[in-house]
Amino acid sequence: TAWPLGFMAGGIWLAIAFLTRMSSMGALWAAGVIPLIALYRGYTNVAYMCAFLAIVIYIRHGENIKRILKGTESKIGQKK
């Protein structure tokens, strides 16, 4: 079964969010990497579904991506 991918996604998010202090960066990395891991592990149908969800996530995070590129994305624990 492919359920460990959920834990991997959480781990990727946690690691990237910890390193960058940006939740959105963690979500973008997890969304981008999990389809590749699913494909590598032979979960072809799951990989396609995850890739579709990654596209949706990247579209929904468009403003976050712009702020990341500008260096203005808020960081975890940062006061507004």
N, C-alpha and C. Protein backbone atom coordinates (compact mmCIF):
# COMPACT_ATOMS: atom_id res chain seq x y z
N THR A 1 0.83 -1.20 0.00
CA THR A 1 0.00 0.00 0.00
C THR A 1 0.87 1.25 0.00
N ALA A 2 0.25 2.37 -0.33
CA ALA A 2 0.99 3.62 -0.49
C ALA A 2 0.85 4.55 0.72
N TRP A 3 0.26 4.08 1.82
CA TRP A 3 0.03 4.98 2.96
C TRP A 3 1.30 5.59 3.53
N PRO A 4 2.47 4.93 3.47
CA PRO A 4 3.67 5.59 4.00
C PRO A 4 4.02 6.90 3.30
N LEU A 5 3.49 7.10 2.09
CA LEU A 5 3.75 8.36 1.39
C LEU A 5 3.23 9.55 2.18
N GLY A 6 2.14 9.37 2.89
CA GLY A 6 1.60 10.44 3.73
C GLY A 6 2.57 10.85 4.82
N PHE A 7 3.20 9.85 5.45
CA PHE A 7 4.19 10.15 6.47
C PHE A 7 5.43 10.80 5.85
N MET A 8 5.81 10.34 4.66
CA MET A 8 6.95 10.95 3.97
C MET A 8 6.65 12.41 3.63
N ALA A 9 5.44 12.68 3.16
CA ALA A 9 5.06 14.06 2.84
C ALA A 9 5.13 14.93 4.09
N GLY A 10 4.63 14.40 5.20
CA GLY A 10 4.70 15.14 6.46
C GLY A 10 6.13 15.38 6.89
N GLY A 11 6.98 14.38 6.72
CA GLY A 11 8.39 14.53 7.07
C GLY A 11 9.10 15.55 6.20
N ILE A 12 8.80 15.52 4.91
CA ILE A 12 9.40 16.50 3.99
C ILE A 12 8.95 17.90 4.37
N TRP A 13 7.64 18.05 4.60
CA TRP A 13 7.13 19.37 5.00
C TRP A 13 7.82 19.84 6.28
N LEU A 14 7.91 18.96 7.26
CA LEU A 14 8.51 19.33 8.54
C LEU A 14 9.96 19.75 8.37
N ALA A 15 10.73 18.97 7.62
CA ALA A 15 12.15 19.28 7.43
C ALA A 15 12.34 20.61 6.71
N ILE A 16 11.61 20.82 5.63
CA ILE A 16 11.77 22.06 4.85
C ILE A 16 11.25 23.25 5.64
N ALA A 17 10.12 23.09 6.31
CA ALA A 17 9.58 24.18 7.12
C ALA A 17 10.54 24.54 8.25
N PHE A 18 11.18 23.54 8.83
CA PHE A 18 12.15 23.80 9.90
C PHE A 18 13.37 24.54 9.35
N LEU A 19 13.86 24.10 8.20
CA LEU A 19 15.07 24.70 7.62
C LEU A 19 14.84 26.11 7.10
N THR A 20 13.68 26.35 6.49
CA THR A 20 13.41 27.65 5.88
C THR A 20 12.52 28.54 6.73
N ARG A 21 11.86 27.95 7.72
CA ARG A 21 10.88 28.63 8.56
C ARG A 21 9.69 29.14 7.74
N MET A 22 9.42 28.46 6.60
CA MET A 22 8.28 28.83 5.75
C MET A 22 7.40 27.60 5.54
N SER A 23 6.18 27.68 6.04
CA SER A 23 5.24 26.58 5.87
C SER A 23 4.93 26.33 4.40
N SER A 24 4.75 27.41 3.65
CA SER A 24 4.43 27.26 2.23
C SER A 24 5.56 26.57 1.47
N MET A 25 6.80 26.85 1.83
CA MET A 25 7.93 26.19 1.17
C MET A 25 7.90 24.69 1.45
N GLY A 26 7.58 24.32 2.68
CA GLY A 26 7.46 22.91 3.02
C GLY A 26 6.37 22.23 2.23
N ALA A 27 5.23 22.90 2.08
CA ALA A 27 4.11 22.33 1.32
C ALA A 27 4.48 22.17 -0.15
N LEU A 28 5.15 23.16 -0.71
CA LEU A 28 5.54 23.09 -2.12
C LEU A 28 6.55 21.98 -2.37
N TRP A 29 7.52 21.84 -1.49
CA TRP A 29 8.51 20.76 -1.64
C TRP A 29 7.85 19.40 -1.50
N ALA A 30 7.02 19.23 -0.47
CA ALA A 30 6.36 17.94 -0.26
C ALA A 30 5.49 17.59 -1.46
N ALA A 31 4.74 18.57 -1.95
CA ALA A 31 3.86 18.32 -3.10
C ALA A 31 4.65 17.96 -4.34
N GLY A 32 5.81 18.55 -4.51
CA GLY A 32 6.62 18.27 -5.69
C GLY A 32 7.39 16.97 -5.64
N VAL A 33 7.78 16.55 -4.45
CA VAL A 33 8.63 15.36 -4.31
C VAL A 33 7.82 14.07 -4.20
N ILE A 34 6.69 14.11 -3.55
CA ILE A 34 5.91 12.89 -3.31
C ILE A 34 5.50 12.18 -4.60
N PRO A 35 5.08 12.87 -5.65
CA PRO A 35 4.78 12.13 -6.89
C PRO A 35 5.98 11.36 -7.42
N LEU A 36 7.17 11.94 -7.29
CA LEU A 36 8.39 11.26 -7.76
C LEU A 36 8.69 10.03 -6.91
N ILE A 37 8.52 10.15 -5.60
CA ILE A 37 8.74 9.00 -4.72
C ILE A 37 7.72 7.91 -5.03
N ALA A 38 6.47 8.30 -5.23
CA ALA A 38 5.42 7.32 -5.55
C ALA A 38 5.76 6.59 -6.85
N LEU A 39 6.22 7.32 -7.83
CA LEU A 39 6.60 6.71 -9.11
C LEU A 39 7.78 5.76 -8.92
N TYR A 40 8.78 6.20 -8.17
CA TYR A 40 9.96 5.38 -7.90
C TYR A 40 9.58 4.07 -7.20
N ARG A 41 8.62 4.16 -6.28
CA ARG A 41 8.21 2.97 -5.53
C ARG A 41 7.22 2.09 -6.29
N GLY A 42 6.86 2.48 -7.50
CA GLY A 42 5.99 1.66 -8.33
C GLY A 42 4.51 1.90 -8.16
N TYR A 43 4.15 2.98 -7.50
CA TYR A 43 2.74 3.32 -7.30
C TYR A 43 2.31 4.28 -8.41
N THR A 44 2.20 3.77 -9.62
CA THR A 44 1.95 4.62 -10.78
C THR A 44 0.66 5.42 -10.65
N ASN A 45 -0.44 4.76 -10.32
CA ASN A 45 -1.72 5.47 -10.20
C ASN A 45 -1.67 6.52 -9.10
N VAL A 46 -1.04 6.18 -7.99
CA VAL A 46 -0.90 7.12 -6.88
C VAL A 46 -0.03 8.30 -7.31
N ALA A 47 1.02 8.02 -8.08
CA ALA A 47 1.90 9.08 -8.56
C ALA A 47 1.13 10.07 -9.43
N TYR A 48 0.26 9.55 -10.31
CA TYR A 48 -0.54 10.44 -11.15
C TYR A 48 -1.47 11.30 -10.31
N MET A 49 -2.11 10.69 -9.32
CA MET A 49 -3.01 11.44 -8.45
C MET A 49 -2.23 12.51 -7.67
N CYS A 50 -1.08 12.12 -7.14
CA CYS A 50 -0.26 13.07 -6.39
C CYS A 50 0.25 14.20 -7.28
N ALA A 51 0.59 13.88 -8.53
CA ALA A 51 1.03 14.91 -9.47
C ALA A 51 -0.10 15.90 -9.75
N PHE A 52 -1.31 15.38 -9.92
CA PHE A 52 -2.46 16.26 -10.13
C PHE A 52 -2.66 17.17 -8.92
N LEU A 53 -2.59 16.59 -7.72
CA LEU A 53 -2.74 17.39 -6.50
C LEU A 53 -1.61 18.40 -6.37
N ALA A 54 -0.40 18.03 -6.78
CA ALA A 54 0.73 18.96 -6.73
C ALA A 54 0.47 20.16 -7.63
N ILE A 55 -0.09 19.92 -8.80
CA ILE A 55 -0.41 21.03 -9.71
C ILE A 55 -1.42 21.96 -9.06
N VAL A 56 -2.44 21.38 -8.44
CA VAL A 56 -3.45 22.20 -7.74
C VAL A 56 -2.79 22.99 -6.62
N ILE A 57 -1.93 22.35 -5.85
CA ILE A 57 -1.25 23.02 -4.74
C ILE A 57 -0.38 24.17 -5.26
N TYR A 58 0.37 23.94 -6.34
CA TYR A 58 1.21 25.00 -6.89
C TYR A 58 0.36 26.17 -7.41
N ILE A 59 -0.77 25.88 -8.02
CA ILE A 59 -1.67 26.94 -8.49
C ILE A 59 -2.20 27.74 -7.29
N ARG A 60 -2.63 27.03 -6.26
CA ARG A 60 -3.20 27.68 -5.07
C ARG A 60 -2.14 28.47 -4.29
N HIS A 61 -0.87 28.10 -4.42
CA HIS A 61 0.21 28.79 -3.72
C HIS A 61 0.89 29.84 -4.60
N GLY A 62 0.24 30.26 -5.67
CA GLY A 62 0.84 31.22 -6.59
C GLY A 62 1.35 32.49 -5.91
N GLU A 63 0.54 33.06 -5.04
CA GLU A 63 0.95 34.28 -4.34
C GLU A 63 2.12 34.00 -3.40
N ASN A 64 2.10 32.83 -2.75
CA ASN A 64 3.21 32.46 -1.88
C ASN A 64 4.51 32.34 -2.67
N ILE A 65 4.42 31.74 -3.86
CA ILE A 65 5.60 31.57 -4.70
C ILE A 65 6.17 32.93 -5.08
N LYS A 66 5.30 33.88 -5.42
CA LYS A 66 5.77 35.23 -5.75
C LYS A 66 6.48 35.86 -4.56
N ARG A 67 5.90 35.70 -3.35
CA ARG A 67 6.52 36.28 -2.16
C ARG A 67 7.84 35.58 -1.82
N ILE A 68 7.91 34.26 -2.04
CA ILE A 68 9.17 33.54 -1.80
C ILE A 68 10.25 34.09 -2.72
N LEU A 69 9.93 34.27 -4.00
CA LEU A 69 10.91 34.78 -4.97
C LEU A 69 11.34 36.21 -4.64
N LYS A 70 10.42 37.00 -4.08
CA LYS A 70 10.74 38.38 -3.70
C LYS A 70 11.45 38.44 -2.34
N GLY A 71 11.39 37.34 -1.59
CA GLY A 71 11.98 37.33 -0.25
C GLY A 71 11.09 37.95 0.80
N THR A 72 9.80 38.05 0.53
CA THR A 72 8.88 38.69 1.47
C THR A 72 7.89 37.71 2.11
N GLU A 73 8.05 36.43 1.85
CA GLU A 73 7.14 35.42 2.44
C GLU A 73 7.33 35.40 3.96
N SER A 74 6.21 35.38 4.68
CA SER A 74 6.30 35.37 6.14
C SER A 74 6.89 34.05 6.63
N LYS A 75 7.56 34.14 7.75
CA LYS A 75 8.23 32.97 8.32
C LYS A 75 7.48 32.51 9.56
N ILE A 76 7.62 31.24 9.86
CA ILE A 76 6.99 30.66 11.04
C ILE A 76 7.55 31.37 12.27
N GLY A 77 6.66 31.86 13.12
CA GLY A 77 7.07 32.53 14.34
C GLY A 77 7.33 34.01 14.17
N GLN A 78 7.27 34.51 12.95
CA GLN A 78 7.51 35.92 12.68
C GLN A 78 6.27 36.72 13.04
N LYS A 79 6.48 37.83 13.74
CA LYS A 79 5.36 38.70 14.07
C LYS A 79 5.00 39.52 12.86
N LYS A 80 3.69 39.72 12.68
CA LYS A 80 3.21 40.46 11.49
C LYS A 80 3.20 41.94 11.73
